[in-house]
Protein backbone atom coordinates (compact mmCIF):
# COMPACT_ATOMS: atom_id res chain seq x y z
CA MET A 1 -182.26 72.58 27.40
CA SER A 2 -179.38 71.32 25.38
CA ALA A 3 -179.13 72.15 21.68
CA ALA A 4 -179.78 68.56 20.77
CA SER A 5 -183.01 68.55 22.79
CA ARG A 6 -184.15 71.92 21.51
CA VAL A 7 -183.65 70.87 17.93
CA ALA A 8 -185.47 67.58 18.55
CA ALA A 9 -188.36 69.44 20.14
CA ALA A 10 -188.65 71.68 17.18
CA ARG A 11 -188.27 68.91 14.71
CA ARG A 12 -191.11 67.06 16.42
CA TRP A 13 -193.34 70.03 16.16
CA PHE A 14 -192.60 70.28 12.42
CA ARG A 15 -193.02 66.53 11.88
CA LEU A 16 -196.47 66.76 13.39
CA LEU A 17 -197.44 70.01 11.53
CA GLY A 18 -200.69 69.60 9.63
CA LYS A 19 -201.40 66.22 11.06
CA THR A 20 -203.71 64.97 13.97
CA PRO A 21 -201.58 62.95 16.47
CA VAL A 22 -202.99 60.77 19.20
CA VAL A 23 -201.21 60.09 22.41
CA ASP A 24 -201.56 56.56 23.65
CA HIS A 25 -199.51 55.13 26.50
CA GLY A 26 -196.52 57.43 25.75
CA ALA A 27 -196.76 56.95 22.04
CA ILE A 28 -197.51 60.06 19.82
CA VAL A 29 -199.04 58.37 16.93
CA VAL A 30 -199.99 59.71 13.42
CA ALA A 31 -202.10 57.48 11.20
CA ASP A 32 -203.53 58.14 7.75
CA PRO A 33 -205.52 55.27 6.35
CA SER A 34 -205.78 57.15 3.05
CA HIS A 35 -202.08 56.78 2.50
CA PRO A 36 -201.30 53.44 4.41
CA ASN A 37 -197.83 52.81 3.25
CA VAL A 38 -196.45 56.43 3.37
CA TRP A 39 -194.01 56.51 6.33
CA ASP A 40 -194.46 60.30 6.90
CA ALA A 41 -198.12 59.79 7.23
CA ASN A 42 -197.99 56.72 9.57
CA PHE A 43 -195.50 56.74 12.43
CA ALA A 44 -194.90 57.15 16.16
CA LEU A 45 -192.74 59.23 18.35
CA ALA A 46 -192.09 58.15 21.90
CA GLU A 47 -192.30 60.44 24.89
CA PRO A 48 -189.21 60.58 26.91
CA ASP A 49 -190.40 58.32 29.74
CA ALA A 50 -192.49 56.01 27.61
CA ASP A 51 -192.40 52.25 28.04
CA PRO A 52 -191.04 50.85 24.76
CA ASP A 53 -193.30 47.78 24.71
CA ALA A 54 -196.34 50.10 25.23
CA VAL A 55 -195.24 52.34 22.35
CA ILE A 56 -194.98 49.41 20.01
CA ALA A 57 -198.37 48.10 21.13
CA ALA A 58 -199.99 51.51 20.61
CA LEU A 59 -198.41 51.65 17.10
CA ASP A 60 -200.03 48.26 16.34
CA ARG A 61 -203.40 49.39 17.61
CA ALA A 62 -203.32 52.48 15.34
CA MET A 63 -201.91 50.85 12.23
CA PRO A 64 -204.31 47.93 11.09
CA HIS A 65 -204.51 49.69 7.71
CA SER A 66 -200.72 49.55 7.07
CA GLN A 67 -198.14 46.91 6.45
CA TRP A 68 -195.45 49.11 8.07
CA ARG A 69 -194.51 50.04 11.53
CA VAL A 70 -192.43 53.14 11.86
CA VAL A 71 -190.92 54.84 14.89
CA VAL A 72 -188.80 58.07 14.74
CA ALA A 73 -186.13 58.28 17.40
CA ASP A 74 -184.39 61.54 18.29
CA ALA A 75 -182.47 63.16 21.18
CA LEU A 76 -185.64 63.10 23.29
CA THR A 77 -186.05 59.36 22.81
CA ASP A 78 -185.05 57.04 25.70
CA PRO A 79 -182.12 54.78 24.51
CA ALA A 80 -184.09 51.73 25.71
CA MET A 81 -186.61 52.59 22.96
CA ALA A 82 -184.08 52.18 20.16
CA ALA A 83 -182.66 49.08 21.91
CA THR A 84 -186.21 47.46 22.07
CA LEU A 85 -186.98 48.31 18.48
CA GLY A 86 -183.81 46.58 17.36
CA PHE A 87 -184.56 43.65 19.50
CA GLU A 88 -188.16 43.39 18.00
CA GLY A 89 -186.80 43.22 14.42
CA PHE A 90 -187.16 46.90 13.38
CA GLU A 91 -184.43 48.11 11.01
CA GLN A 92 -182.76 51.41 11.25
CA ALA A 93 -182.96 53.55 8.12
CA GLY A 94 -180.04 55.84 7.13
CA PRO A 95 -179.49 58.27 10.07
CA LEU A 96 -180.10 62.00 9.58
CA ILE A 97 -177.66 64.55 11.13
CA GLU A 98 -179.40 67.47 12.68
CA MET A 99 -177.30 70.62 12.12
CA LEU A 100 -177.66 73.96 13.82
CA ALA A 101 -176.33 77.32 13.00
CA SER A 102 -176.25 79.69 15.97
CA GLU A 103 -175.00 82.51 13.94
CA SER A 104 -176.25 83.74 10.55
CA ALA A 105 -175.43 81.44 7.62
CA SER A 106 -173.04 83.00 5.15
CA LEU A 107 -170.60 82.26 2.31
CA SER A 108 -167.30 84.11 1.46
CA GLN A 109 -168.25 84.33 -2.11
CA ALA A 110 -171.41 85.77 -3.85
CA VAL A 111 -174.37 83.51 -4.02
CA ALA A 112 -176.43 82.79 -7.09
CA PRO A 113 -179.03 85.56 -8.01
CA ILE A 114 -182.16 83.54 -7.31
CA THR A 115 -185.70 84.77 -7.03
CA LEU A 116 -188.34 83.09 -4.75
CA ARG A 117 -192.11 82.64 -5.13
CA ARG A 118 -194.39 81.43 -2.33
CA ALA A 119 -196.20 78.17 -3.16
CA THR A 120 -199.58 77.41 -1.63
CA PRO A 121 -202.65 75.40 -2.94
CA ASP A 122 -203.95 78.79 -4.16
CA GLU A 123 -200.67 80.20 -5.43
CA ASN A 124 -198.17 78.71 -7.81
CA TRP A 125 -199.09 75.14 -6.82
CA PRO A 126 -198.94 73.55 -10.30
CA ALA A 127 -195.40 74.86 -10.83
CA PHE A 128 -194.42 73.60 -7.30
CA GLU A 129 -195.98 70.18 -7.88
CA LEU A 130 -193.91 69.78 -11.14
CA LEU A 131 -190.71 70.19 -9.13
CA VAL A 132 -191.79 67.87 -6.40
CA ARG A 133 -192.75 65.11 -8.87
CA ALA A 134 -189.22 65.60 -10.43
CA ASP A 135 -187.75 65.15 -7.04
CA HIS A 136 -189.72 61.98 -6.26
CA ARG A 137 -188.92 60.59 -9.75
CA GLU A 138 -185.20 61.13 -9.21
CA GLY A 139 -185.61 59.23 -5.95
CA LEU A 140 -182.42 60.22 -4.03
CA ARG A 141 -184.50 61.43 -1.06
CA THR A 142 -187.58 59.18 -1.33
CA GLY A 143 -186.40 56.00 -3.00
CA PRO A 144 -187.76 54.35 -6.15
CA TYR A 145 -190.63 56.32 -7.64
CA ASN A 146 -194.06 55.29 -6.36
CA VAL A 147 -197.24 56.97 -7.19
CA GLU A 148 -198.82 56.38 -3.81
CA LEU A 149 -195.82 57.70 -2.08
CA SER A 150 -195.60 60.79 -4.21
CA ASN A 151 -199.36 61.54 -3.77
CA GLY A 152 -199.05 61.09 0.00
CA LEU A 153 -196.08 63.31 0.40
CA LEU A 154 -197.77 65.96 -1.67
CA ALA A 155 -200.85 65.73 0.41
CA THR A 156 -198.68 66.39 3.57
CA MET A 157 -196.96 69.40 1.76
CA ARG A 158 -200.35 70.96 0.82
CA ASN A 159 -201.41 70.90 4.51
CA ARG A 160 -198.04 72.23 5.58
CA SER A 161 -198.00 75.01 2.96
CA LEU A 162 -200.88 76.82 4.87
CA LEU A 163 -198.75 76.83 8.05
CA CYS A 164 -195.26 77.32 6.81
CA HIS A 165 -193.36 78.71 3.87
CA TYR A 166 -192.66 76.74 0.61
CA SER A 167 -190.64 78.62 -1.97
CA ILE A 168 -190.17 78.01 -5.58
CA ILE A 169 -186.55 78.81 -6.52
CA ALA A 170 -185.87 80.32 -9.83
CA LEU A 171 -182.59 81.21 -11.57
CA ASP A 172 -182.39 83.05 -14.86
CA GLY A 173 -186.23 82.99 -15.07
CA VAL A 174 -186.36 79.17 -14.87
CA ASP A 175 -187.97 77.25 -11.91
CA VAL A 176 -185.02 75.15 -10.79
CA GLY A 177 -185.77 73.94 -7.28
CA TYR A 178 -187.89 74.36 -4.07
CA GLY A 179 -187.43 74.51 -0.26
CA LEU A 180 -189.14 75.12 2.96
CA SER A 181 -188.55 77.45 5.86
CA THR A 182 -190.56 78.21 9.02
CA ARG A 183 -190.21 79.48 12.58
CA CYS A 184 -190.85 76.91 15.23
CA PRO A 185 -192.56 77.80 18.57
CA ASN A 186 -189.39 77.37 20.60
CA GLY A 187 -187.59 80.19 18.73
CA LEU A 188 -185.60 77.98 16.26
CA GLY A 189 -186.03 78.18 12.56
CA ILE A 190 -186.06 75.19 10.27
CA ILE A 191 -185.03 74.85 6.75
CA ASP A 192 -186.17 71.46 5.17
CA GLU A 193 -187.27 69.68 1.97
CA LEU A 194 -184.56 70.99 -0.31
CA PHE A 195 -184.24 70.07 -3.87
CA THR A 196 -182.61 71.44 -7.10
CA LEU A 197 -183.07 69.98 -10.57
CA PRO A 198 -180.02 67.95 -11.60
CA GLY A 199 -179.12 70.14 -14.51
CA TRP A 200 -178.83 73.20 -12.28
CA ARG A 201 -176.76 71.86 -9.47
CA GLY A 202 -173.27 73.22 -8.77
CA ARG A 203 -174.32 76.79 -9.44
CA GLY A 204 -174.87 77.82 -5.87
CA VAL A 205 -178.64 77.72 -6.11
CA MET A 206 -179.28 75.89 -2.78
CA SER A 207 -176.60 77.86 -0.97
CA ALA A 208 -178.30 81.05 -2.06
CA PHE A 209 -181.70 79.76 -0.80
CA ILE A 210 -180.34 78.66 2.52
CA VAL A 211 -178.71 82.00 3.12
CA ALA A 212 -181.86 83.90 2.05
CA ALA A 213 -184.12 81.61 4.30
CA ASP A 214 -181.75 81.92 7.22
CA ARG A 215 -181.83 85.83 6.96
CA GLU A 216 -185.56 85.80 6.83
CA LEU A 217 -186.00 83.44 9.80
CA ARG A 218 -183.63 85.54 11.98
CA GLN A 219 -185.44 88.62 11.02
CA ALA A 220 -188.58 86.93 12.30
CA GLY A 221 -186.95 86.46 15.65
CA CYS A 222 -185.23 83.07 15.41
CA ASP A 223 -182.01 82.75 17.54
CA GLY A 224 -180.80 79.69 15.72
CA VAL A 225 -181.59 77.87 12.42
CA PHE A 226 -181.31 74.14 11.76
CA LEU A 227 -181.68 71.62 8.95
CA ASP A 228 -180.81 67.97 8.48
CA ALA A 229 -178.62 65.90 6.16
CA PHE A 230 -178.19 62.29 5.54
CA ALA A 231 -174.96 61.02 7.10
CA ASP A 232 -173.63 59.49 3.82
CA ASP A 233 -174.65 62.44 1.51
CA ARG A 234 -172.54 65.29 0.32
CA PRO A 235 -174.91 68.20 1.12
CA ARG A 236 -173.81 68.01 4.79
CA LEU A 237 -170.54 69.45 3.65
CA LEU A 238 -172.21 72.42 1.89
CA TYR A 239 -174.19 73.05 5.10
CA ALA A 240 -171.01 72.92 7.23
CA ARG A 241 -169.46 75.61 4.90
CA LEU A 242 -172.46 77.75 5.50
CA GLY A 243 -171.97 77.61 9.29
CA PHE A 244 -174.21 74.64 10.41
CA ARG A 245 -172.73 72.26 12.97
CA PRO A 246 -173.91 68.70 13.87
CA VAL A 247 -175.76 68.51 17.24
CA ALA A 248 -177.85 65.32 17.07
CA ILE A 249 -178.99 62.23 15.12
CA THR A 250 -182.49 61.36 14.18
CA CYS A 251 -183.23 57.86 12.96
CA ARG A 252 -186.35 56.19 11.54
CA TRP A 253 -186.90 52.57 12.66
CA THR A 254 -189.09 50.47 10.35
CA LYS A 255 -190.61 47.03 10.25
CA ARG A 256 -192.54 45.49 7.49
CA LEU A 257 -195.19 42.94 8.45
CA PRO A 258 -195.51 39.65 6.62
């Protein structure tokens, strides 16, 4: 299996983590009527040999509660799927670059002396939620602040926190950010959902977290670690300095019904 396909398989596993997907005519569909307009809670993936029209029809059947139709395309998606989505009026959101480090992440200079605390619904969750809300209000990753969206994303994070590792990142005794790391079933590790409060950026906080998370994942048996970055965002340059290299593109195709 190529690096791109392996990363795509691990990303799909993570994307479905804590959710209840249904397979319908080659479409792997996640639907959550309690959060009808949250894209991460209502979307479809296409199996590699799926008929594009059948995938779109399955999405329509599963989403009477939502005004959005969302399909995530990755290295395992047939090119005909993306072509059909474009033809049917879906719009491509900003692409994400999947970046893989085969060797341990490292920096030539010392990293910030951060400390980490685990966040679960029973452990440090109020402090974690404060950071997540700050992330959503800034809106760089999630768009303009919306209470429904923020609540929906936090609900997904609560479910995931029982299955993977969310960390509160502190520097000089102050909670300044958060991040996620977990081992995927195919032996890759994933680092995701990274945020640092604006006033604490530029101090090496996230570099330190990525290096620490990478070390922990490799000690747990991972033979590679990956993360993603928006194609037009500066963090991709930081990740490259840490040893991550681009291997694939993931795109979200969306359509809003009248």
